[in-house]
Amino acid sequence: MLSALAKPLNRDQWISEAAYFLAKARDFESGKALNDWLEAEIAYCDMLISAYIAALDEDNQPITICSLQPVSNLIRYREIGRDNI
């Protein structure tokens, strides 16, 4: 369920665009690119977690540590990188 949501989003593209808009909002102040990227990554992870919790809630499934394992695996997979798996 969650991987079906995440694949169409294209993680790198989503983060890149979000980082661009963060930079644009502060007039592209130099030296802040890494902070923009990291903030965008956090926003991406927050979005995935919120979507997964909403799906569990909609299906009347309990929100437990075990039920959140798939989202944790997806985020960890994305953070480690495909080459390191």
N, C-alpha and C. Protein backbone atom coordinates (compact mmCIF):
# COMPACT_ATOMS: atom_id res chain seq x y z
N MET A 1 0.83 -1.19 0.00
CA MET A 1 0.00 0.00 0.00
C MET A 1 0.87 1.26 0.00
N LEU A 2 1.81 1.34 0.94
CA LEU A 2 2.64 2.54 1.03
C LEU A 2 3.59 2.66 -0.14
N SER A 3 4.18 1.56 -0.58
CA SER A 3 5.11 1.63 -1.70
C SER A 3 4.40 2.08 -2.97
N ALA A 4 3.13 1.76 -3.09
CA ALA A 4 2.36 2.21 -4.25
C ALA A 4 2.20 3.73 -4.22
N LEU A 5 2.14 4.30 -3.04
CA LEU A 5 2.06 5.76 -2.91
C LEU A 5 3.41 6.41 -3.18
N ALA A 6 4.46 5.82 -2.65
CA ALA A 6 5.78 6.44 -2.72
C ALA A 6 6.39 6.40 -4.12
N LYS A 7 6.18 5.33 -4.86
CA LYS A 7 6.79 5.21 -6.18
C LYS A 7 6.37 6.32 -7.13
N PRO A 8 5.07 6.61 -7.26
CA PRO A 8 4.70 7.68 -8.18
C PRO A 8 5.23 9.05 -7.76
N LEU A 9 5.54 9.21 -6.48
CA LEU A 9 5.99 10.52 -6.01
C LEU A 9 7.41 10.84 -6.47
N ASN A 10 8.22 9.83 -6.78
CA ASN A 10 9.60 10.02 -7.18
C ASN A 10 10.32 10.86 -6.13
N ARG A 11 10.83 10.18 -5.12
CA ARG A 11 11.44 10.79 -3.94
C ARG A 11 12.42 11.91 -4.28
N ASP A 12 13.40 11.61 -5.12
CA ASP A 12 14.43 12.59 -5.42
C ASP A 12 13.87 13.85 -6.08
N GLN A 13 12.93 13.65 -7.00
CA GLN A 13 12.32 14.80 -7.67
C GLN A 13 11.52 15.63 -6.67
N TRP A 14 10.76 14.97 -5.81
CA TRP A 14 9.94 15.67 -4.82
C TRP A 14 10.83 16.49 -3.90
N ILE A 15 11.90 15.87 -3.39
CA ILE A 15 12.81 16.56 -2.47
C ILE A 15 13.51 17.72 -3.18
N SER A 16 13.95 17.47 -4.41
CA SER A 16 14.63 18.52 -5.17
C SER A 16 13.74 19.74 -5.37
N GLU A 17 12.50 19.51 -5.75
CA GLU A 17 11.57 20.62 -5.96
C GLU A 17 11.24 21.33 -4.66
N ALA A 18 11.06 20.56 -3.59
CA ALA A 18 10.78 21.18 -2.29
C ALA A 18 11.96 22.02 -1.82
N ALA A 19 13.18 21.51 -2.00
CA ALA A 19 14.39 22.26 -1.62
C ALA A 19 14.50 23.54 -2.44
N TYR A 20 14.15 23.46 -3.72
CA TYR A 20 14.18 24.65 -4.57
C TYR A 20 13.24 25.72 -4.02
N PHE A 21 12.02 25.33 -3.68
CA PHE A 21 11.06 26.31 -3.19
C PHE A 21 11.45 26.87 -1.82
N LEU A 22 12.10 26.04 -0.99
CA LEU A 22 12.62 26.56 0.28
C LEU A 22 13.69 27.61 0.02
N ALA A 23 14.58 27.32 -0.93
CA ALA A 23 15.65 28.28 -1.27
C ALA A 23 15.05 29.55 -1.87
N LYS A 24 14.08 29.39 -2.73
CA LYS A 24 13.44 30.55 -3.36
C LYS A 24 12.78 31.44 -2.31
N ALA A 25 12.17 30.82 -1.30
CA ALA A 25 11.48 31.58 -0.25
C ALA A 25 12.43 32.47 0.54
N ARG A 26 13.71 32.13 0.58
CA ARG A 26 14.69 32.95 1.28
C ARG A 26 15.64 33.63 0.30
N ASP A 27 15.19 33.82 -0.93
CA ASP A 27 15.93 34.54 -1.97
C ASP A 27 17.28 33.91 -2.29
N PHE A 28 17.34 32.58 -2.24
CA PHE A 28 18.53 31.82 -2.63
C PHE A 28 19.80 32.27 -1.90
N GLU A 29 19.65 32.53 -0.61
CA GLU A 29 20.80 32.90 0.21
C GLU A 29 21.86 31.81 0.12
N SER A 30 23.09 32.18 -0.15
CA SER A 30 24.14 31.18 -0.35
C SER A 30 24.49 30.47 0.96
N GLY A 31 24.99 29.25 0.80
CA GLY A 31 25.43 28.46 1.94
C GLY A 31 24.32 27.71 2.65
N LYS A 32 23.12 27.72 2.12
CA LYS A 32 21.98 27.09 2.79
C LYS A 32 21.42 25.89 2.02
N ALA A 33 22.08 25.50 0.94
CA ALA A 33 21.54 24.43 0.09
C ALA A 33 21.37 23.11 0.83
N LEU A 34 22.36 22.74 1.65
CA LEU A 34 22.26 21.48 2.40
C LEU A 34 21.10 21.54 3.38
N ASN A 35 20.94 22.66 4.07
CA ASN A 35 19.81 22.79 5.00
C ASN A 35 18.48 22.68 4.27
N ASP A 36 18.39 23.28 3.09
CA ASP A 36 17.16 23.19 2.30
C ASP A 36 16.88 21.74 1.93
N TRP A 37 17.91 21.03 1.49
CA TRP A 37 17.74 19.63 1.08
C TRP A 37 17.30 18.78 2.28
N LEU A 38 17.96 18.94 3.41
CA LEU A 38 17.62 18.14 4.59
C LEU A 38 16.21 18.46 5.10
N GLU A 39 15.85 19.72 5.06
CA GLU A 39 14.49 20.11 5.47
C GLU A 39 13.46 19.49 4.53
N ALA A 40 13.77 19.46 3.25
CA ALA A 40 12.87 18.85 2.27
C ALA A 40 12.77 17.33 2.49
N GLU A 41 13.88 16.68 2.84
CA GLU A 41 13.84 15.24 3.14
C GLU A 41 12.95 14.96 4.35
N ILE A 42 13.07 15.80 5.36
CA ILE A 42 12.23 15.63 6.55
C ILE A 42 10.75 15.81 6.18
N ALA A 43 10.45 16.80 5.36
CA ALA A 43 9.07 17.03 4.93
C ALA A 43 8.55 15.83 4.14
N TYR A 44 9.39 15.24 3.30
CA TYR A 44 9.00 14.05 2.52
C TYR A 44 8.66 12.89 3.45
N CYS A 45 9.53 12.65 4.43
CA CYS A 45 9.28 11.56 5.38
C CYS A 45 8.01 11.82 6.19
N ASP A 46 7.82 13.05 6.62
CA ASP A 46 6.60 13.41 7.36
C ASP A 46 5.36 13.15 6.51
N MET A 47 5.45 13.48 5.22
CA MET A 47 4.32 13.28 4.33
C MET A 47 3.99 11.79 4.19
N LEU A 48 5.03 10.95 4.03
CA LEU A 48 4.81 9.51 3.92
C LEU A 48 4.17 8.95 5.19
N ILE A 49 4.69 9.36 6.33
CA ILE A 49 4.16 8.87 7.59
C ILE A 49 2.70 9.31 7.76
N SER A 50 2.41 10.56 7.47
CA SER A 50 1.03 11.05 7.59
C SER A 50 0.09 10.31 6.65
N ALA A 51 0.53 10.06 5.44
CA ALA A 51 -0.32 9.34 4.48
C ALA A 51 -0.57 7.90 4.95
N TYR A 52 0.45 7.27 5.48
CA TYR A 52 0.29 5.89 5.94
C TYR A 52 -0.63 5.82 7.15
N ILE A 53 -0.46 6.75 8.08
CA ILE A 53 -1.34 6.77 9.26
C ILE A 53 -2.77 7.05 8.85
N ALA A 54 -2.97 7.95 7.89
CA ALA A 54 -4.32 8.23 7.40
C ALA A 54 -4.94 7.00 6.75
N ALA A 55 -4.13 6.23 6.01
CA ALA A 55 -4.64 5.01 5.38
C ALA A 55 -5.02 3.98 6.44
N LEU A 56 -4.20 3.84 7.48
CA LEU A 56 -4.54 2.91 8.57
C LEU A 56 -5.83 3.35 9.25
N ASP A 57 -5.94 4.63 9.50
CA ASP A 57 -7.13 5.17 10.16
C ASP A 57 -8.37 4.95 9.30
N GLU A 58 -8.23 5.20 8.01
CA GLU A 58 -9.36 5.03 7.09
C GLU A 58 -9.83 3.57 7.05
N ASP A 59 -8.89 2.64 7.18
CA ASP A 59 -9.22 1.22 7.17
C ASP A 59 -9.55 0.69 8.56
N ASN A 60 -9.66 1.59 9.53
CA ASN A 60 -9.94 1.23 10.92
C ASN A 60 -8.93 0.24 11.48
N GLN A 61 -7.68 0.38 11.06
CA GLN A 61 -6.60 -0.46 11.56
C GLN A 61 -5.93 0.25 12.73
N PRO A 62 -5.54 -0.51 13.74
CA PRO A 62 -4.86 0.15 14.87
C PRO A 62 -3.48 0.66 14.45
N ILE A 63 -3.10 1.76 15.04
CA ILE A 63 -1.78 2.33 14.77
C ILE A 63 -0.86 1.84 15.89
N THR A 64 -0.02 0.89 15.54
CA THR A 64 0.91 0.29 16.49
C THR A 64 2.32 0.37 15.90
N ILE A 65 3.28 0.03 16.72
CA ILE A 65 4.66 -0.01 16.22
C ILE A 65 4.75 -0.99 15.05
N CYS A 66 4.13 -2.13 15.19
CA CYS A 66 4.17 -3.14 14.12
C CYS A 66 3.48 -2.64 12.85
N SER A 67 2.40 -1.92 12.99
CA SER A 67 1.69 -1.43 11.80
C SER A 67 2.46 -0.32 11.09
N LEU A 68 3.38 0.32 11.80
CA LEU A 68 4.19 1.38 11.19
C LEU A 68 5.49 0.85 10.60
N GLN A 69 5.77 -0.45 10.77
CA GLN A 69 7.01 -1.03 10.25
C GLN A 69 7.18 -0.82 8.74
N PRO A 70 6.13 -1.00 7.92
CA PRO A 70 6.32 -0.79 6.47
C PRO A 70 6.78 0.62 6.12
N VAL A 71 6.27 1.63 6.80
CA VAL A 71 6.71 3.00 6.50
C VAL A 71 8.15 3.20 6.96
N SER A 72 8.51 2.62 8.07
CA SER A 72 9.88 2.70 8.55
C SER A 72 10.84 2.06 7.56
N ASN A 73 10.47 0.91 7.04
CA ASN A 73 11.32 0.22 6.06
C ASN A 73 11.46 1.05 4.78
N LEU A 74 10.39 1.66 4.36
CA LEU A 74 10.43 2.45 3.14
C LEU A 74 11.34 3.67 3.33
N ILE A 75 11.22 4.35 4.45
CA ILE A 75 12.06 5.51 4.71
C ILE A 75 13.52 5.09 4.85
N ARG A 76 13.76 4.01 5.55
CA ARG A 76 15.13 3.53 5.72
C ARG A 76 15.72 3.14 4.37
N TYR A 77 14.94 2.46 3.55
CA TYR A 77 15.39 2.08 2.21
C TYR A 77 15.78 3.31 1.40
N ARG A 78 14.97 4.33 1.47
CA ARG A 78 15.22 5.55 0.72
C ARG A 78 16.46 6.28 1.26
N GLU A 79 16.62 6.28 2.60
CA GLU A 79 17.73 7.01 3.20
C GLU A 79 19.07 6.31 2.97
N ILE A 80 19.08 4.98 3.03
CA ILE A 80 20.32 4.23 2.83
C ILE A 80 20.77 4.36 1.38
N GLY A 81 19.82 4.33 0.49
CA GLY A 81 20.16 4.40 -0.92
C GLY A 81 20.08 3.02 -1.56
N ARG A 82 19.74 3.01 -2.80
CA ARG A 82 19.53 1.74 -3.48
C ARG A 82 20.81 0.94 -3.67
N ASP A 83 21.95 1.60 -3.73
CA ASP A 83 23.21 0.90 -3.97
C ASP A 83 23.72 0.15 -2.74
N ASN A 84 23.23 0.52 -1.58
CA ASN A 84 23.74 -0.08 -0.34
C ASN A 84 22.87 -1.20 0.19
N ILE A 85 21.86 -1.60 -0.54
CA ILE A 85 20.97 -2.66 -0.06
C ILE A 85 21.46 -4.00 -0.56
